[in-house]
Amino acid sequence: IEREQEWLMLAIEEALSDFRRMRKKLDNEINKETLA
C-alpha cells in the first residue's frame, strides 16, 4: 500500500507541474479566463 501511495503522489506532482508548464506556455496566446 505504501508503494502505491508514493506512486500516486508522484503522478499528482508531475501532473501539477505539467498543468503549470502548459499555463505558462499559453500565457501570451489566450485570455485569462481560458487559462483558468
Full PDB file with SEQRES, HELIX, SHEET, SSBOND, CRYST1, ORIGX, SCALE, CONECT and MASTER records, all heavy atoms in Angstrom:
SEQRES   1 A   36  ILE GLU ARG GLU GLN GLU TRP LEU MET LEU ALA ILE GLU          
SEQRES   2 A   36  GLU ALA LEU SER ASP PHE ARG ARG MET ARG LYS LYS LEU          
SEQRES   3 A   36  ASP ASN GLU ILE ASN LYS GLU THR LEU ALA                      
HELIX    1 AA1 GLU A    2  LYS A   25  1                                  24    
HELIX    2 AA2 LYS A   32  LEU A   35  1                                   4    
CRYST1    1.000    1.000    1.000  90.00  90.00  90.00 P 1           1          
ORIGX1      1.000000  0.000000  0.000000        0.00000                         
ORIGX2      0.000000  1.000000  0.000000        0.00000                         
ORIGX3      0.000000  0.000000  1.000000        0.00000                         
SCALE1      1.000000  0.000000  0.000000        0.00000                         
SCALE2      0.000000  1.000000  0.000000        0.00000                         
SCALE3      0.000000  0.000000  1.000000        0.00000                         
ATOM      1  N   ILE A   1       0.824  -1.210   0.000  1.00  0.00           N  
ATOM      2  CA  ILE A   1       0.000   0.000   0.000  1.00  0.00           C  
ATOM      3  C   ILE A   1       0.859   1.261   0.000  1.00  0.00           C  
ATOM      4  O   ILE A   1       0.572   2.240  -0.699  1.00  0.00           O  
ATOM      5  CB  ILE A   1      -0.973  -0.020   1.209  1.00  0.00           C  
ATOM      6  CG1 ILE A   1      -2.066  -1.076   0.947  1.00  0.00           C  
ATOM      7  CG2 ILE A   1      -1.601   1.349   1.444  1.00  0.00           C  
ATOM      8  CD1 ILE A   1      -2.958  -1.367   2.126  1.00  0.00           C  
ATOM      9  N   GLU A   2       1.952   1.227   0.765  1.00  0.00           N  
ATOM     10  CA  GLU A   2       2.821   2.406   0.869  1.00  0.00           C  
ATOM     11  C   GLU A   2       3.425   2.768  -0.494  1.00  0.00           C  
ATOM     12  O   GLU A   2       3.497   3.943  -0.868  1.00  0.00           O  
ATOM     13  CB  GLU A   2       3.941   2.129   1.884  1.00  0.00           C  
ATOM     14  CG  GLU A   2       4.705   3.386   2.261  1.00  0.00           C  
ATOM     15  CD  GLU A   2       5.723   3.116   3.369  1.00  0.00           C  
ATOM     16  OE1 GLU A   2       5.466   2.245   4.229  1.00  0.00           O  
ATOM     17  OE2 GLU A   2       6.768   3.779   3.331  1.00  0.00           O  
ATOM     18  N   ARG A   3       3.847   1.726  -1.249  1.00  0.00           N  
ATOM     19  CA  ARG A   3       4.439   1.983  -2.566  1.00  0.00           C  
ATOM     20  C   ARG A   3       3.409   2.593  -3.534  1.00  0.00           C  
ATOM     21  O   ARG A   3       3.716   3.499  -4.304  1.00  0.00           O  
ATOM     22  CB  ARG A   3       4.980   0.675  -3.154  1.00  0.00           C  
ATOM     23  CG  ARG A   3       5.783   0.870  -4.452  1.00  0.00           C  
ATOM     24  CD  ARG A   3       6.274  -0.462  -4.998  1.00  0.00           C  
ATOM     25  NE  ARG A   3       5.170  -1.265  -5.525  1.00  0.00           N  
ATOM     26  CZ  ARG A   3       4.668  -1.130  -6.762  1.00  0.00           C  
ATOM     27  NH1 ARG A   3       5.161  -0.219  -7.573  1.00  0.00           N  
ATOM     28  NH2 ARG A   3       3.685  -1.908  -7.166  1.00  0.00           N  
ATOM     29  N   GLU A   4       2.155   2.094  -3.456  1.00  0.00           N  
ATOM     30  CA  GLU A   4       1.091   2.624  -4.320  1.00  0.00           C  
ATOM     31  C   GLU A   4       0.802   4.090  -3.990  1.00  0.00           C  
ATOM     32  O   GLU A   4       0.579   4.904  -4.884  1.00  0.00           O  
ATOM     33  CB  GLU A   4      -0.193   1.793  -4.165  1.00  0.00           C  
ATOM     34  CG  GLU A   4      -0.081   0.353  -4.606  1.00  0.00           C  
ATOM     35  CD  GLU A   4       0.200   0.194  -6.088  1.00  0.00           C  
ATOM     36  OE1 GLU A   4      -0.441   0.871  -6.913  1.00  0.00           O  
ATOM     37  OE2 GLU A   4       1.085  -0.618  -6.428  1.00  0.00           O  
ATOM     38  N   GLN A   5       0.811   4.421  -2.676  1.00  0.00           N  
ATOM     39  CA  GLN A   5       0.570   5.808  -2.255  1.00  0.00           C  
ATOM     40  C   GLN A   5       1.660   6.721  -2.815  1.00  0.00           C  
ATOM     41  O   GLN A   5       1.384   7.825  -3.302  1.00  0.00           O  
ATOM     42  CB  GLN A   5       0.534   5.916  -0.716  1.00  0.00           C  
ATOM     43  CG  GLN A   5      -0.569   5.124  -0.039  1.00  0.00           C  
ATOM     44  CD  GLN A   5      -1.944   5.760  -0.144  1.00  0.00           C  
ATOM     45  OE1 GLN A   5      -2.179   6.611  -0.996  1.00  0.00           O  
ATOM     46  NE2 GLN A   5      -2.871   5.329   0.701  1.00  0.00           N  
ATOM     47  N   GLU A   6       2.904   6.261  -2.754  1.00  0.00           N  
ATOM     48  CA  GLU A   6       4.028   7.050  -3.273  1.00  0.00           C  
ATOM     49  C   GLU A   6       3.903   7.217  -4.793  1.00  0.00           C  
ATOM     50  O   GLU A   6       4.155   8.298  -5.338  1.00  0.00           O  
ATOM     51  CB  GLU A   6       5.357   6.363  -2.937  1.00  0.00           C  
ATOM     52  CG  GLU A   6       5.759   6.494  -1.467  1.00  0.00           C  
ATOM     53  CD  GLU A   6       7.043   5.733  -1.154  1.00  0.00           C  
ATOM     54  OE1 GLU A   6       7.714   5.302  -2.122  1.00  0.00           O  
ATOM     55  OE2 GLU A   6       7.360   5.582   0.033  1.00  0.00           O  
ATOM     56  N   TRP A   7       3.530   6.128  -5.464  1.00  0.00           N  
ATOM     57  CA  TRP A   7       3.348   6.132  -6.920  1.00  0.00           C  
ATOM     58  C   TRP A   7       2.298   7.180  -7.320  1.00  0.00           C  
ATOM     59  O   TRP A   7       2.486   7.967  -8.249  1.00  0.00           O  
ATOM     60  CB  TRP A   7       2.937   4.720  -7.346  1.00  0.00           C  
ATOM     61  CG  TRP A   7       2.815   4.486  -8.824  1.00  0.00           C  
ATOM     62  CD1 TRP A   7       3.486   5.138  -9.812  1.00  0.00           C  
ATOM     63  CD2 TRP A   7       1.964   3.534  -9.472  1.00  0.00           C  
ATOM     64  NE1 TRP A   7       3.118   4.648 -11.041  1.00  0.00           N  
ATOM     65  CE2 TRP A   7       2.185   3.661 -10.872  1.00  0.00           C  
ATOM     66  CE3 TRP A   7       1.054   2.573  -9.013  1.00  0.00           C  
ATOM     67  CZ2 TRP A   7       1.514   2.873 -11.805  1.00  0.00           C  
ATOM     68  CZ3 TRP A   7       0.400   1.788  -9.945  1.00  0.00           C  
ATOM     69  CH2 TRP A   7       0.627   1.937 -11.319  1.00  0.00           C  
ATOM     70  N   LEU A   8       1.184   7.207  -6.563  1.00  0.00           N  
ATOM     71  CA  LEU A   8       0.104   8.149  -6.843  1.00  0.00           C  
ATOM     72  C   LEU A   8       0.544   9.588  -6.588  1.00  0.00           C  
ATOM     73  O   LEU A   8       0.303  10.483  -7.406  1.00  0.00           O  
ATOM     74  CB  LEU A   8      -1.118   7.813  -5.971  1.00  0.00           C  
ATOM     75  CG  LEU A   8      -2.302   8.787  -6.098  1.00  0.00           C  
ATOM     76  CD1 LEU A   8      -2.922   8.714  -7.481  1.00  0.00           C  
ATOM     77  CD2 LEU A   8      -3.344   8.495  -5.029  1.00  0.00           C  
ATOM     78  N   MET A   9       1.200   9.830  -5.442  1.00  0.00           N  
ATOM     79  CA  MET A   9       1.622  11.194  -5.096  1.00  0.00           C  
ATOM     80  C   MET A   9       2.620  11.738  -6.124  1.00  0.00           C  
ATOM     81  O   MET A   9       2.582  12.918  -6.479  1.00  0.00           O  
ATOM     82  CB  MET A   9       2.251  11.226  -3.697  1.00  0.00           C  
ATOM     83  CG  MET A   9       1.241  11.086  -2.570  1.00  0.00           C  
ATOM     84  SD  MET A   9      -0.074  12.350  -2.630  1.00  0.00           S  
ATOM     85  CE  MET A   9      -1.488  11.355  -3.129  1.00  0.00           C  
ATOM     86  N   LEU A  10       3.475  10.861  -6.628  1.00  0.00           N  
ATOM     87  CA  LEU A  10       4.440  11.266  -7.645  1.00  0.00           C  
ATOM     88  C   LEU A  10       3.714  11.665  -8.935  1.00  0.00           C  
ATOM     89  O   LEU A  10       4.045  12.681  -9.560  1.00  0.00           O  
ATOM     90  CB  LEU A  10       5.409  10.108  -7.928  1.00  0.00           C  
ATOM     91  CG  LEU A  10       6.592  10.431  -8.858  1.00  0.00           C  
ATOM     92  CD1 LEU A  10       7.497  11.489  -8.240  1.00  0.00           C  
ATOM     93  CD2 LEU A  10       7.397   9.166  -9.151  1.00  0.00           C  
ATOM     94  N   ALA A  11       2.707  10.883  -9.304  1.00  0.00           N  
ATOM     95  CA  ALA A  11       1.922  11.189 -10.511  1.00  0.00           C  
ATOM     96  C   ALA A  11       1.177  12.518 -10.352  1.00  0.00           C  
ATOM     97  O   ALA A  11       1.098  13.315 -11.297  1.00  0.00           O  
ATOM     98  CB  ALA A  11       0.928  10.064 -10.797  1.00  0.00           C  
ATOM     99  N   ILE A  12       0.630  12.771  -9.162  1.00  0.00           N  
ATOM    100  CA  ILE A  12      -0.083  14.032  -8.896  1.00  0.00           C  
ATOM    101  C   ILE A  12       0.870  15.213  -9.045  1.00  0.00           C  
ATOM    102  O   ILE A  12       0.542  16.231  -9.672  1.00  0.00           O  
ATOM    103  CB  ILE A  12      -0.741  14.013  -7.499  1.00  0.00           C  
ATOM    104  CG1 ILE A  12      -1.958  13.068  -7.496  1.00  0.00           C  
ATOM    105  CG2 ILE A  12      -1.165  15.419  -7.075  1.00  0.00           C  
ATOM    106  CD1 ILE A  12      -2.604  12.874  -6.137  1.00  0.00           C  
ATOM    107  N   GLU A  13       2.061  15.107  -8.477  1.00  0.00           N  
ATOM    108  CA  GLU A  13       3.047  16.195  -8.563  1.00  0.00           C  
ATOM    109  C   GLU A  13       3.468  16.440 -10.010  1.00  0.00           C  
ATOM    110  O   GLU A  13       3.630  17.594 -10.431  1.00  0.00           O  
ATOM    111  CB  GLU A  13       4.276  15.885  -7.694  1.00  0.00           C  
ATOM    112  CG  GLU A  13       4.004  15.939  -6.197  1.00  0.00           C  
ATOM    113  CD  GLU A  13       3.333  17.242  -5.760  1.00  0.00           C  
ATOM    114  OE1 GLU A  13       3.789  18.318  -6.208  1.00  0.00           O  
ATOM    115  OE2 GLU A  13       2.337  17.181  -5.012  1.00  0.00           O  
ATOM    116  N   GLU A  14       3.643  15.360 -10.770  1.00  0.00           N  
ATOM    117  CA  GLU A  14       4.032  15.515 -12.173  1.00  0.00           C  
ATOM    118  C   GLU A  14       2.904  16.153 -12.986  1.00  0.00           C  
ATOM    119  O   GLU A  14       3.151  16.978 -13.874  1.00  0.00           O  
ATOM    120  CB  GLU A  14       4.413  14.153 -12.769  1.00  0.00           C  
ATOM    121  CG  GLU A  14       5.781  13.675 -12.307  1.00  0.00           C  
ATOM    122  CD  GLU A  14       6.078  12.238 -12.727  1.00  0.00           C  
ATOM    123  OE1 GLU A  14       5.126  11.513 -13.066  1.00  0.00           O  
ATOM    124  OE2 GLU A  14       7.255  11.864 -12.706  1.00  0.00           O  
ATOM    125  N   ALA A  15       1.659  15.775 -12.660  1.00  0.00           N  
ATOM    126  CA  ALA A  15       0.508  16.370 -13.343  1.00  0.00           C  
ATOM    127  C   ALA A  15       0.407  17.857 -13.014  1.00  0.00           C  
ATOM    128  O   ALA A  15       0.155  18.692 -13.904  1.00  0.00           O  
ATOM    129  CB  ALA A  15      -0.778  15.644 -12.955  1.00  0.00           C  
ATOM    130  N   LEU A  16       0.601  18.220 -11.744  1.00  0.00           N  
ATOM    131  CA  LEU A  16       0.559  19.632 -11.328  1.00  0.00           C  
ATOM    132  C   LEU A  16       1.621  20.437 -12.071  1.00  0.00           C  
ATOM    133  O   LEU A  16       1.364  21.542 -12.563  1.00  0.00           O  
ATOM    134  CB  LEU A  16       0.782  19.751  -9.816  1.00  0.00           C  
ATOM    135  CG  LEU A  16      -0.411  19.386  -8.925  1.00  0.00           C  
ATOM    136  CD1 LEU A  16       0.031  19.260  -7.470  1.00  0.00           C  
ATOM    137  CD2 LEU A  16      -1.511  20.442  -9.052  1.00  0.00           C  
ATOM    138  N   SER A  17       2.813  19.865 -12.146  1.00  0.00           N  
ATOM    139  CA  SER A  17       3.916  20.536 -12.842  1.00  0.00           C  
ATOM    140  C   SER A  17       3.576  20.715 -14.323  1.00  0.00           C  
ATOM    141  O   SER A  17       3.866  21.763 -14.918  1.00  0.00           O  
ATOM    142  CB  SER A  17       5.190  19.699 -12.678  1.00  0.00           C  
ATOM    143  OG  SER A  17       6.226  20.232 -13.440  1.00  0.00           O  
ATOM    144  N   ASP A  18       2.930  19.705 -14.903  1.00  0.00           N  
ATOM    145  CA  ASP A  18       2.551  19.755 -16.313  1.00  0.00           C  
ATOM    146  C   ASP A  18       1.516  20.847 -16.569  1.00  0.00           C  
ATOM    147  O   ASP A  18       1.611  21.597 -17.544  1.00  0.00           O  
ATOM    148  CB  ASP A  18       1.988  18.384 -16.717  1.00  0.00           C  
ATOM    149  CG  ASP A  18       1.799  18.260 -18.221  1.00  0.00           C  
ATOM    150  OD1 ASP A  18       2.760  18.538 -18.953  1.00  0.00           O  
ATOM    151  OD2 ASP A  18       0.691  17.895 -18.651  1.00  0.00           O  
ATOM    152  N   PHE A  19       0.513  20.960 -15.692  1.00  0.00           N  
ATOM    153  CA  PHE A  19      -0.514  21.993 -15.852  1.00  0.00           C  
ATOM    154  C   PHE A  19       0.099  23.396 -15.731  1.00  0.00           C  
ATOM    155  O   PHE A  19      -0.266  24.306 -16.472  1.00  0.00           O  
ATOM    156  CB  PHE A  19      -1.634  21.808 -14.821  1.00  0.00           C  
ATOM    157  CG  PHE A  19      -2.490  20.595 -15.069  1.00  0.00           C  
ATOM    158  CD1 PHE A  19      -2.877  19.773 -14.015  1.00  0.00           C  
ATOM    159  CD2 PHE A  19      -2.913  20.273 -16.342  1.00  0.00           C  
ATOM    160  CE1 PHE A  19      -3.659  18.647 -14.232  1.00  0.00           C  
ATOM    161  CE2 PHE A  19      -3.709  19.145 -16.574  1.00  0.00           C  
ATOM    162  CZ  PHE A  19      -4.074  18.342 -15.517  1.00  0.00           C  
ATOM    163  N   ARG A  20       1.040  23.556 -14.776  1.00  0.00           N  
ATOM    164  CA  ARG A  20       1.694  24.862 -14.617  1.00  0.00           C  
ATOM    165  C   ARG A  20       2.505  25.208 -15.868  1.00  0.00           C  
ATOM    166  O   ARG A  20       2.516  26.349 -16.323  1.00  0.00           O  
ATOM    167  CB  ARG A  20       2.588  24.861 -13.379  1.00  0.00           C  
ATOM    168  CG  ARG A  20       1.825  24.955 -12.064  1.00  0.00           C  
ATOM    169  CD  ARG A  20       2.753  25.246 -10.897  1.00  0.00           C  
ATOM    170  NE  ARG A  20       3.633  24.118 -10.593  1.00  0.00           N  
ATOM    171  CZ  ARG A  20       3.336  23.173  -9.705  1.00  0.00           C  
ATOM    172  NH1 ARG A  20       2.192  23.211  -9.045  1.00  0.00           N  
ATOM    173  NH2 ARG A  20       4.180  22.182  -9.472  1.00  0.00           N  
ATOM    174  N   ARG A  21       3.192  24.187 -16.427  1.00  0.00           N  
ATOM    175  CA  ARG A  21       4.012  24.406 -17.616  1.00  0.00           C  
ATOM    176  C   ARG A  21       3.136  24.808 -18.805  1.00  0.00           C  
ATOM    177  O   ARG A  21       3.468  25.729 -19.554  1.00  0.00           O  
ATOM    178  CB  ARG A  21       4.768  23.106 -17.947  1.00  0.00           C  
ATOM    179  CG  ARG A  21       5.661  23.198 -19.175  1.00  0.00           C  
ATOM    180  CD  ARG A  21       6.326  21.854 -19.466  1.00  0.00           C  
ATOM    181  NE  ARG A  21       5.370  20.789 -19.700  1.00  0.00           N  
ATOM    182  CZ  ARG A  21       4.713  20.618 -20.841  1.00  0.00           C  
ATOM    183  NH1 ARG A  21       4.896  21.454 -21.849  1.00  0.00           N  
ATOM    184  NH2 ARG A  21       3.872  19.611 -20.989  1.00  0.00           N  
ATOM    185  N   MET A  22       1.981  24.145 -18.960  1.00  0.00           N  
ATOM    186  CA  MET A  22       1.086  24.465 -20.073  1.00  0.00           C  
ATOM    187  C   MET A  22       0.495  25.862 -19.926  1.00  0.00           C  
ATOM    188  O   MET A  22       0.351  26.590 -20.912  1.00  0.00           O  
ATOM    189  CB  MET A  22      -0.037  23.430 -20.153  1.00  0.00           C  
ATOM    190  CG  MET A  22       0.430  22.106 -20.709  1.00  0.00           C  
ATOM    191  SD  MET A  22      -0.940  20.991 -20.928  1.00  0.00           S  
ATOM    192  CE  MET A  22      -0.052  19.484 -21.285  1.00  0.00           C  
ATOM    193  N   ARG A  23       0.147  26.215 -18.698  1.00  0.00           N  
ATOM    194  CA  ARG A  23      -0.416  27.546 -18.462  1.00  0.00           C  
ATOM    195  C   ARG A  23       0.593  28.610 -18.868  1.00  0.00           C  
ATOM    196  O   ARG A  23       0.251  29.612 -19.510  1.00  0.00           O  
ATOM    197  CB  ARG A  23      -0.788  27.696 -16.980  1.00  0.00           C  
ATOM    198  CG  ARG A  23      -1.681  28.899 -16.715  1.00  0.00           C  
ATOM    199  CD  ARG A  23      -1.824  29.152 -15.226  1.00  0.00           C  
ATOM    200  NE  ARG A  23      -2.915  30.056 -14.944  1.00  0.00           N  
ATOM    201  CZ  ARG A  23      -2.904  31.361 -15.215  1.00  0.00           C  
ATOM    202  NH1 ARG A  23      -1.868  31.906 -15.814  1.00  0.00           N  
ATOM    203  NH2 ARG A  23      -3.955  32.118 -14.913  1.00  0.00           N  
ATOM    204  N   LYS A  24       1.858  28.396 -18.476  1.00  0.00           N  
ATOM    205  CA  LYS A  24       2.915  29.353 -18.805  1.00  0.00           C  
ATOM    206  C   LYS A  24       3.133  29.415 -20.317  1.00  0.00           C  
ATOM    207  O   LYS A  24       3.297  30.493 -20.898  1.00  0.00           O  
ATOM    208  CB  LYS A  24       4.209  28.942 -18.100  1.00  0.00           C  
ATOM    209  CG  LYS A  24       5.314  29.980 -18.212  1.00  0.00           C  
ATOM    210  CD  LYS A  24       6.530  29.565 -17.405  1.00  0.00           C  
ATOM    211  CE  LYS A  24       7.639  30.606 -17.538  1.00  0.00           C  
ATOM    212  NZ  LYS A  24       8.855  30.219 -16.794  1.00  0.00           N  
ATOM    213  N   LYS A  25       3.098  28.259 -20.960  1.00  0.00           N  
ATOM    214  CA  LYS A  25       3.317  28.169 -22.404  1.00  0.00           C  
ATOM    215  C   LYS A  25       2.252  28.955 -23.183  1.00  0.00           C  
ATOM    216  O   LYS A  25       2.547  29.609 -24.185  1.00  0.00           O  
ATOM    217  CB  LYS A  25       3.294  26.694 -22.815  1.00  0.00           C  
ATOM    218  CG  LYS A  25       3.370  26.453 -24.317  1.00  0.00           C  
ATOM    219  CD  LYS A  25       3.186  24.964 -24.606  1.00  0.00           C  
ATOM    220  CE  LYS A  25       2.997  24.726 -26.098  1.00  0.00           C  
ATOM    221  NZ  LYS A  25       2.712  23.320 -26.402  1.00  0.00           N  
ATOM    222  N   LEU A  26       0.992  28.883 -22.707  1.00  0.00           N  
ATOM    223  CA  LEU A  26      -0.116  29.515 -23.424  1.00  0.00           C  
ATOM    224  C   LEU A  26      -0.436  30.918 -22.926  1.00  0.00           C  
ATOM    225  O   LEU A  26      -1.376  31.552 -23.404  1.00  0.00           O  
ATOM    226  CB  LEU A  26      -1.372  28.643 -23.315  1.00  0.00           C  
ATOM    227  CG  LEU A  26      -1.268  27.243 -23.948  1.00  0.00           C  
ATOM    228  CD1 LEU A  26      -2.477  26.411 -23.564  1.00  0.00           C  
ATOM    229  CD2 LEU A  26      -1.147  27.341 -25.457  1.00  0.00           C  
ATOM    230  N   ASP A  27       0.344  31.415 -21.983  1.00  0.00           N  
ATOM    231  CA  ASP A  27       0.025  32.666 -21.283  1.00  0.00           C  
ATOM    232  C   ASP A  27      -0.176  33.840 -22.239  1.00  0.00           C  
ATOM    233  O   ASP A  27      -1.025  34.693 -22.015  1.00  0.00           O  
ATOM    234  CB  ASP A  27       1.127  32.991 -20.271  1.00  0.00           C  
ATOM    235  CG  ASP A  27       0.684  34.079 -19.302  1.00  0.00           C  
ATOM    236  OD1 ASP A  27      -0.516  34.155 -19.023  1.00  0.00           O  
ATOM    237  OD2 ASP A  27       1.536  34.860 -18.857  1.00  0.00           O  
ATOM    238  N   ASN A  28       0.612  33.915 -23.285  1.00  0.00           N  
ATOM    239  CA  ASN A  28       0.530  35.064 -24.198  1.00  0.00           C  
ATOM    240  C   ASN A  28      -0.417  34.841 -25.370  1.00  0.00           C  
ATOM    241  O   ASN A  28      -0.636  35.738 -26.163  1.00  0.00           O  
ATOM    242  CB  ASN A  28       1.930  35.398 -24.735  1.00  0.00           C  
ATOM    243  CG  ASN A  28       2.866  35.834 -23.631  1.00  0.00           C  
ATOM    244  OD1 ASN A  28       2.464  36.541 -22.719  1.00  0.00           O  
ATOM    245  ND2 ASN A  28       4.117  35.401 -23.714  1.00  0.00           N  
ATOM    246  N   GLU A  29      -0.964  33.619 -25.476  1.00  0.00           N  
ATOM    247  CA  GLU A  29      -1.784  33.300 -26.645  1.00  0.00           C  
ATOM    248  C   GLU A  29      -3.282  33.396 -26.386  1.00  0.00           C  
ATOM    249  O   GLU A  29      -4.051  33.639 -27.302  1.00  0.00           O  
ATOM    250  CB  GLU A  29      -1.454  31.889 -27.149  1.00  0.00           C  
ATOM    251  CG  GLU A  29      -0.043  31.754 -27.697  1.00  0.00           C  
ATOM    252  CD  GLU A  29       0.153  30.407 -28.389  1.00  0.00           C  
ATOM    253  OE1 GLU A  29      -0.665  30.067 -29.246  1.00  0.00           O  
ATOM    254  OE2 GLU A  29       1.128  29.717 -28.050  1.00  0.00           O  
ATOM    255  N   ILE A  30      -3.701  33.175 -25.152  1.00  0.00           N  
ATOM    256  CA  ILE A  30      -5.140  33.153 -24.870  1.00  0.00           C  
ATOM    257  C   ILE A  30      -5.463  33.992 -23.643  1.00  0.00           C  
ATOM    258  O   ILE A  30      -4.585  34.338 -22.853  1.00  0.00           O  
ATOM    259  CB  ILE A  30      -5.668  31.711 -24.670  1.00  0.00           C  
ATOM    260  CG1 ILE A  30      -4.890  30.983 -23.572  1.00  0.00           C  
ATOM    261  CG2 ILE A  30      -5.608  30.932 -25.957  1.00  0.00           C  
ATOM    262  CD1 ILE A  30      -5.378  29.578 -23.305  1.00  0.00           C  
ATOM    263  N   ASN A  31      -6.755  34.311 -23.489  1.00  0.00           N  
ATOM    264  CA  ASN A  31      -7.151  35.188 -22.389  1.00  0.00           C  
ATOM    265  C   ASN A  31      -7.115  34.464 -21.042  1.00  0.00           C  
ATOM    266  O   ASN A  31      -7.013  33.249 -20.963  1.00  0.00           O  
ATOM    267  CB  ASN A  31      -8.544  35.784 -22.653  1.00  0.00           C  
ATOM    268  CG  ASN A  31      -9.616  34.715 -22.740  1.00  0.00           C  
ATOM    269  OD1 ASN A  31      -9.678  33.813 -21.901  1.00  0.00           O  
ATOM    270  ND2 ASN A  31     -10.463  34.798 -23.749  1.00  0.00           N  
ATOM    271  N   LYS A  32      -7.202  35.260 -19.997  1.00  0.00           N  
ATOM    272  CA  LYS A  32      -7.045  34.739 -18.632  1.00  0.00           C  
ATOM    273  C   LYS A  32      -8.127  33.738 -18.262  1.00  0.00           C  
ATOM    274  O   LYS A  32      -7.886  32.778 -17.552  1.00  0.00           O  
ATOM    275  CB  LYS A  32      -7.064  35.910 -17.627  1.00  0.00           C  
ATOM    276  CG  LYS A  32      -5.829  36.795 -17.705  1.00  0.00           C  
ATOM    277  CD  LYS A  32      -4.619  36.079 -17.134  1.00  0.00           C  
ATOM    278  CE  LYS A  32      -3.403  36.970 -17.093  1.00  0.00           C  
ATOM    279  NZ  LYS A  32      -2.833  37.261 -18.400  1.00  0.00           N  
ATOM    280  N   GLU A  33      -9.365  33.960 -18.763  1.00  0.00           N  
ATOM    281  CA  GLU A  33     -10.441  33.039 -18.384  1.00  0.00           C  
ATOM    282  C   GLU A  33     -10.185  31.639 -18.925  1.00  0.00           C  
ATOM    283  O   GLU A  33     -10.398  30.641 -18.246  1.00  0.00           O  
ATOM    284  CB  GLU A  33     -11.797  33.527 -18.885  1.00  0.00           C  
ATOM    285  CG  GLU A  33     -12.891  32.512 -18.574  1.00  0.00           C  
ATOM    286  CD  GLU A  33     -14.287  33.049 -18.748  1.00  0.00           C  
ATOM    287  OE1 GLU A  33     -14.705  33.865 -17.929  1.00  0.00           O  
ATOM    288  OE2 GLU A  33     -14.941  32.641 -19.697  1.00  0.00           O  
ATOM    289  N   THR A  34      -9.673  31.574 -20.157  1.00  0.00           N  
ATOM    290  CA  THR A  34      -9.401  30.264 -20.733  1.00  0.00           C  
ATOM    291  C   THR A  34      -8.208  29.604 -20.057  1.00  0.00           C  
ATOM    292  O   THR A  34      -8.185  28.392 -19.868  1.00  0.00           O  
ATOM    293  CB  THR A  34      -9.166  30.392 -22.252  1.00  0.00           C  
ATOM    294  OG1 THR A  34     -10.237  31.154 -22.819  1.00  0.00           O  
ATOM    295  CG2 THR A  34      -9.152  29.028 -22.913  1.00  0.00           C  
ATOM    296  N   LEU A  35      -7.227  30.412 -19.675  1.00  0.00           N  
ATOM    297  CA  LEU A  35      -6.081  29.867 -18.934  1.00  0.00           C  
ATOM    298  C   LEU A  35      -6.527  29.252 -17.610  1.00  0.00           C  
ATOM    299  O   LEU A  35      -5.888  28.353 -17.076  1.00  0.00           O  
ATOM    300  CB  LEU A  35      -5.050  30.970 -18.653  1.00  0.00           C  
ATOM    301  CG  LEU A  35      -4.092  31.313 -19.794  1.00  0.00           C  
ATOM    302  CD1 LEU A  35      -3.216  32.483 -19.386  1.00  0.00           C  
ATOM    303  CD2 LEU A  35      -3.228  30.122 -20.175  1.00  0.00           C  
ATOM    304  N   ALA A  36      -7.641  29.751 -17.094  1.00  0.00           N  
ATOM    305  CA  ALA A  36      -8.154  29.242 -15.816  1.00  0.00           C  
ATOM    306  C   ALA A  36      -8.525  27.768 -15.884  1.00  0.00           C  
ATOM    307  O   ALA A  36      -8.696  27.121 -14.857  1.00  0.00           O  
ATOM    308  CB  ALA A  36      -9.378  30.059 -15.389  1.00  0.00           C  
TER     309      ALA A  36                                                      
MASTER        0    0    0    2    0    0    0    6  308    1    0    3          
END                                                                             
